[in-house]
Structure formats: C-alpha cells, structure tokens
Amino acid sequence: MTDPVQRRWIELAPGYAGYLALPPARRGPGLLVLQEIFGVNEHIRAVADQYALDGFVVLAPDLFWRQVPRVELGYQADDLTRGRALVQAYATDQAIADLGVAARALRDRAEVGGGKVGAVGYCMGGRMAWFAAATAGVDAAVAYYGGGIHGHLQYAATLGCPLQFHYAGHDDHIPPEAVAAVRAAAQQALGAARAEVFVYPEAHHGFNCWERGSYHAPSAALAHGRALAFLAQHAF
C-alpha cells in the first residue's frame, strides 16, 4: 500500500531545516508543528504525520539548528538535562526570527499556495506558538502546556490571530496562577471567544506524548479533537 503521507527534510535558510509532511491530497492549509525541548524527534515527526493525515501541509522546523542541527532526544533523565540546556541557550529573539522564516517558507510553498497557516506547539513549542501568534503572521495557534508563556505576556499586545490553550490539571512546571495569567492576558487582548483555554483535570504535563509516562489518552484525544475543530474554523 502506498503511504498516504509524503515526508522529507527541506532547507528553510542556510543551515536551518524543517521536516515537511504532505497530506494525501498533496496540498492544503499550512501548519507549523513546534517541537518540545527534545528536538524534531520521532514523536514530533509522528505528530506532524498525524496532522498531515488530517489534511494539513505540515512543517516542523528544527529550532535548535544553531546549537545541534537535527538533534533527537528521548525522555530519560540525561536527555531531559540536555534538552533543558538547549532551551536555556535559545534566545527569544532567535525563536521569533526562526518562526518568521518558517511561517513564510510554509505559506510560500506551492502546496499551500499562499493560503492560511496555523501553528501548534507542545511544551517549549507551546511558547513558540504564542510567539508565532504575536509575531509570525499565522492565522491560528494552539499551545499545549506551553511552559513560560506567563513570562512573556507583553506579546499579548501584538496577538494577531485566535488562540487555543491546553493545560494539564496536574502540572509541576505550570502552576494554576500561570494558567490564570495567560488566560487573562489572551482574553483581554482577543476576547474570550478567540482565546479558548481548556484544562484537563486528570492529566499531567506532557499528556499528549505517547512515549512519555505522563501520556493520558483520554485527554490527548479530547485535546486533539478540539484542536482540529479550532484549526478547521480558523486555519482552513
């Protein structure tokens, strides 16, 4: 059987690459899938493929390209330590520049044809989705347990598209007061209807990743359905 998804790595700028996954129709709206601290690893590529099967032209940019191009980390203690070091060295201005390059490259692809581009990110990538919504001209953004967004609330002033947030009810990295601060800032900037916030009471940080011990299938399925409905409304 022919694989319905076509996938390959492409160059976005000298030294800066991204994983491209094309849907069965080989064209559609664009979607940035934004990595965790573990790089564009097997899990993130599988998420990209999942969204490609949902009809998106998906690009997962390699955001740590300046430090360790195409790094792939797992979820054990040593890899977690390495990933934390990589994200600590990844400056906000670099992230904003990288997101802008990736969004423009995706929108300009023939398969997207200048159509809409969304963004969805996980953990560190959730914070990247927040930056993309504020600076990269995307049409919709989804942030899963976006660590550190509450430290960058000044970007609420330049939010240019609807946002959807997914948080775990039990998250050692994102306290409830951080969720409340993000909710307040986003809804003040966009209005409640354009800034959806969902909290999954039984979930822990990383609940969408089936390779982690914190994976919670019911929450992941519900969040994915909500994300698809949101993206279908705003990014198709």
Protein backbone atom coordinates (compact mmCIF):
# COMPACT_ATOMS: atom_id res chain seq x y z
CA MET A 1 0.00 0.00 0.00
CA THR A 2 1.30 3.46 -0.89
CA ASP A 3 2.00 5.68 2.12
CA PRO A 4 -0.62 8.46 2.07
CA VAL A 5 1.86 10.92 3.61
CA GLN A 6 4.92 12.15 1.76
CA ARG A 7 7.68 13.36 4.06
CA ARG A 8 11.17 14.80 3.73
CA TRP A 9 13.53 17.34 5.24
CA ILE A 10 13.77 20.69 3.46
CA GLU A 11 16.04 23.72 3.84
CA LEU A 12 14.40 26.89 5.15
CA ALA A 13 17.56 29.00 5.24
CA PRO A 14 21.28 28.18 5.18
CA GLY A 15 21.76 25.67 7.99
CA TYR A 16 18.11 25.82 9.05
CA ALA A 17 15.95 22.83 8.07
CA GLY A 18 12.49 21.52 8.73
CA TYR A 19 10.57 18.26 8.48
CA LEU A 20 7.85 18.53 5.82
CA ALA A 21 4.86 16.17 5.75
CA LEU A 22 2.41 16.40 2.85
CA PRO A 23 -1.22 15.24 3.16
CA PRO A 24 -2.81 12.63 0.91
CA ALA A 25 -4.14 15.40 -1.35
CA ARG A 26 -0.57 16.80 -1.55
CA ARG A 27 -1.88 20.31 -0.89
CA GLY A 28 -3.82 22.12 1.80
CA PRO A 29 -3.51 24.75 4.50
CA GLY A 30 -0.15 25.02 6.22
CA LEU A 31 0.57 24.04 9.81
CA LEU A 32 3.71 24.57 11.84
CA VAL A 33 4.29 21.80 14.38
CA LEU A 34 6.57 23.22 17.03
CA GLN A 35 8.84 20.93 18.98
CA GLU A 36 9.39 20.21 22.63
CA ILE A 37 12.88 20.57 24.10
CA PHE A 38 13.67 17.13 22.68
CA GLY A 39 14.04 18.33 19.09
CA VAL A 40 12.21 17.21 15.97
CA ASN A 41 12.41 13.65 17.24
CA GLU A 42 10.46 10.57 16.25
CA HIS A 43 7.45 11.65 18.29
CA ILE A 44 7.24 15.15 16.81
CA ARG A 45 7.61 13.72 13.31
CA ALA A 46 4.74 11.33 14.09
CA VAL A 47 2.62 14.27 15.27
CA ALA A 48 3.45 16.05 12.02
CA ASP A 49 2.37 12.97 10.07
CA GLN A 50 -0.83 12.83 12.12
CA TYR A 51 -1.74 16.39 11.16
CA ALA A 52 -0.80 15.67 7.55
CA LEU A 53 -3.36 12.86 7.56
CA ASP A 54 -5.82 15.45 8.87
CA GLY A 55 -5.25 17.45 5.67
CA PHE A 56 -2.50 19.92 6.52
CA VAL A 57 0.78 20.65 4.79
CA VAL A 58 2.92 20.34 7.91
CA LEU A 59 6.32 21.82 8.66
CA ALA A 60 8.20 21.02 11.87
CA PRO A 61 11.15 23.44 11.93
CA ASP A 62 14.39 22.38 13.61
CA LEU A 63 14.53 25.18 16.18
CA PHE A 64 17.82 24.12 17.77
CA TRP A 65 19.66 24.31 14.43
CA ARG A 66 22.20 26.85 15.68
CA GLN A 67 23.29 24.59 18.53
CA VAL A 68 22.90 20.96 17.41
CA PRO A 69 21.25 20.62 13.98
CA ARG A 70 18.55 17.94 13.88
CA VAL A 71 19.12 16.84 17.44
CA GLU A 72 16.87 14.00 18.56
CA LEU A 73 16.44 13.36 22.25
CA GLY A 74 14.42 10.86 24.22
CA TYR A 75 12.65 11.27 27.55
CA GLN A 76 15.15 9.87 30.04
CA ALA A 77 17.00 11.92 32.65
CA ASP A 78 20.15 12.58 30.62
CA ASP A 79 18.20 13.69 27.56
CA LEU A 80 15.97 15.86 29.71
CA THR A 81 19.03 17.60 31.14
CA ARG A 82 20.44 18.14 27.65
CA GLY A 83 17.14 19.45 26.34
CA ARG A 84 16.88 21.93 29.20
CA ALA A 85 20.35 23.22 28.40
CA LEU A 86 19.42 23.65 24.74
CA VAL A 87 16.27 25.63 25.50
CA GLN A 88 18.06 27.83 28.03
CA ALA A 89 20.51 28.80 25.28
CA TYR A 90 17.71 29.51 22.78
CA ALA A 91 17.05 33.24 22.96
CA THR A 92 13.63 34.75 22.39
CA ASP A 93 14.86 36.91 19.51
CA GLN A 94 16.27 33.82 17.81
CA ALA A 95 12.97 31.99 18.29
CA ILE A 96 10.96 34.86 16.82
CA ALA A 97 13.28 35.07 13.82
CA ASP A 98 13.12 31.31 13.26
CA LEU A 99 9.33 31.24 13.49
CA GLY A 100 9.01 34.06 10.99
CA VAL A 101 11.26 32.29 8.49
CA ALA A 102 9.35 29.01 8.91
CA ALA A 103 5.90 30.62 8.57
CA ARG A 104 6.89 32.49 5.42
CA ALA A 105 8.55 29.44 3.90
CA LEU A 106 5.46 27.33 4.54
CA ARG A 107 2.99 29.89 3.21
CA ASP A 108 5.10 30.31 0.06
CA ARG A 109 5.18 26.62 -0.77
CA ALA A 110 3.21 25.60 -3.86
CA GLU A 111 1.31 23.01 -1.80
CA VAL A 112 -0.08 25.81 0.39
CA GLY A 113 -0.37 28.33 -2.40
CA GLY A 114 -0.39 31.40 -0.21
CA GLY A 115 -3.27 30.04 1.84
CA LYS A 116 -3.70 30.03 5.58
CA VAL A 117 -1.04 28.83 8.03
CA GLY A 118 -1.63 27.69 11.60
CA ALA A 119 0.71 26.68 14.39
CA VAL A 120 0.53 24.04 17.09
CA GLY A 121 3.22 23.51 19.70
CA TYR A 122 3.97 21.37 22.72
CA CYS A 123 5.73 22.44 25.94
CA MET A 124 8.53 24.69 24.64
CA GLY A 125 6.65 24.59 21.35
CA GLY A 126 3.56 25.90 23.13
CA ARG A 127 5.53 29.01 24.00
CA MET A 128 6.69 29.14 20.37
CA ALA A 129 3.03 29.02 19.27
CA TRP A 130 2.39 32.07 21.48
CA PHE A 131 5.28 33.90 19.81
CA ALA A 132 4.06 32.81 16.37
CA ALA A 133 0.60 34.22 17.08
CA ALA A 134 2.14 37.52 18.13
CA THR A 135 4.93 37.91 15.57
CA ALA A 136 4.83 35.45 12.66
CA GLY A 137 1.52 36.31 10.99
CA VAL A 138 -0.09 32.88 11.45
CA ASP A 139 -3.87 32.59 11.16
CA ALA A 140 -4.45 30.46 14.28
CA ALA A 141 -2.29 28.95 17.02
CA VAL A 142 -2.69 26.11 19.50
CA ALA A 143 -0.47 25.84 22.59
CA TYR A 144 -0.25 22.60 24.55
CA TYR A 145 1.09 23.09 28.11
CA GLY A 146 3.20 25.99 26.91
CA GLY A 147 5.90 26.44 29.50
CA GLY A 148 6.96 30.02 30.17
CA ILE A 149 4.18 31.83 28.32
CA HIS A 150 3.31 33.64 31.54
CA GLY A 151 6.78 35.19 31.46
CA HIS A 152 6.14 36.71 28.03
CA LEU A 153 2.71 38.26 28.45
CA GLN A 154 3.87 41.51 26.85
CA TYR A 155 3.36 39.77 23.49
CA ALA A 156 -0.39 39.74 24.12
CA ALA A 157 -0.42 43.29 22.78
CA THR A 158 0.53 42.07 19.30
CA LEU A 159 -1.51 38.85 19.11
CA GLY A 160 -2.88 38.70 15.58
CA CYS A 161 -4.98 35.55 15.48
CA PRO A 162 -7.24 33.29 17.57
CA LEU A 163 -5.51 31.09 20.15
CA GLN A 164 -6.37 27.84 21.86
CA PHE A 165 -4.61 26.60 25.01
CA HIS A 166 -4.49 23.11 26.51
CA TYR A 167 -3.23 22.67 30.07
CA ALA A 168 -2.88 19.73 32.44
CA GLY A 169 -4.70 19.85 35.73
CA HIS A 170 -1.57 18.50 37.44
CA ASP A 171 1.50 20.26 36.06
CA ASP A 172 4.65 20.65 38.13
CA HIS A 173 6.01 23.11 35.54
CA ILE A 174 2.98 25.39 35.03
CA PRO A 175 1.15 26.39 38.23
CA PRO A 176 -2.55 27.35 38.17
CA GLU A 177 -1.73 31.02 38.66
CA ALA A 178 0.35 30.95 35.45
CA VAL A 179 -2.59 29.47 33.56
CA ALA A 180 -4.84 32.17 35.00
CA ALA A 181 -2.41 34.90 33.95
CA VAL A 182 -2.21 33.59 30.38
CA ARG A 183 -5.99 33.25 30.19
CA ALA A 184 -6.50 36.81 31.40
CA ALA A 185 -3.91 38.32 29.04
CA ALA A 186 -5.09 36.42 25.96
CA GLN A 187 -8.79 37.00 26.56
CA GLN A 188 -8.24 40.69 27.29
CA ALA A 189 -6.35 41.03 24.01
CA LEU A 190 -8.56 38.84 21.82
CA GLY A 191 -11.86 38.38 23.61
CA ALA A 192 -12.99 35.16 25.25
CA ALA A 193 -14.37 33.70 22.02
CA ARG A 194 -10.97 33.99 20.30
CA ALA A 195 -8.87 32.74 23.22
CA GLU A 196 -10.02 29.30 24.29
CA VAL A 197 -8.49 27.72 27.39
CA PHE A 198 -9.01 24.08 28.33
CA VAL A 199 -7.72 22.35 31.46
CA TYR A 200 -7.68 18.53 31.68
CA PRO A 201 -8.21 17.61 35.35
CA GLU A 202 -6.71 14.12 35.20
CA ALA A 203 -3.72 14.99 33.02
CA HIS A 204 -0.09 15.77 33.81
CA HIS A 205 2.49 17.76 31.85
CA GLY A 206 3.26 16.10 28.52
CA PHE A 207 -0.07 14.28 28.37
CA ASN A 208 -0.16 14.32 24.55
CA CYS A 209 3.11 12.40 24.10
CA TRP A 210 2.51 8.66 23.87
CA GLU A 211 6.21 7.98 24.53
CA ARG A 212 6.12 9.55 27.99
CA GLY A 213 4.89 8.14 31.26
CA SER A 214 2.58 11.13 31.61
CA TYR A 215 0.65 10.23 28.44
CA HIS A 216 -3.09 10.35 29.10
CA ALA A 217 -5.01 9.02 26.13
CA PRO A 218 -8.48 10.41 27.01
CA SER A 219 -7.12 13.93 27.47
CA ALA A 220 -4.93 13.67 24.38
CA ALA A 221 -7.86 12.52 22.22
CA LEU A 222 -10.15 15.25 23.53
CA ALA A 223 -7.49 17.93 23.03
CA HIS A 224 -6.68 16.76 19.52
CA GLY A 225 -10.33 16.87 18.55
CA ARG A 226 -10.68 20.37 19.95
CA ALA A 227 -7.51 21.49 18.18
CA LEU A 228 -8.74 20.12 14.86
CA ALA A 229 -12.12 21.83 15.22
CA PHE A 230 -10.38 25.10 16.09
CA LEU A 231 -7.94 24.87 13.20
CA ALA A 232 -10.71 23.89 10.79
CA GLN A 233 -12.59 27.03 11.80
CA HIS A 234 -9.67 29.46 11.68
CA ALA A 235 -6.88 27.99 9.54
CA PHE A 236 -8.59 26.16 6.68
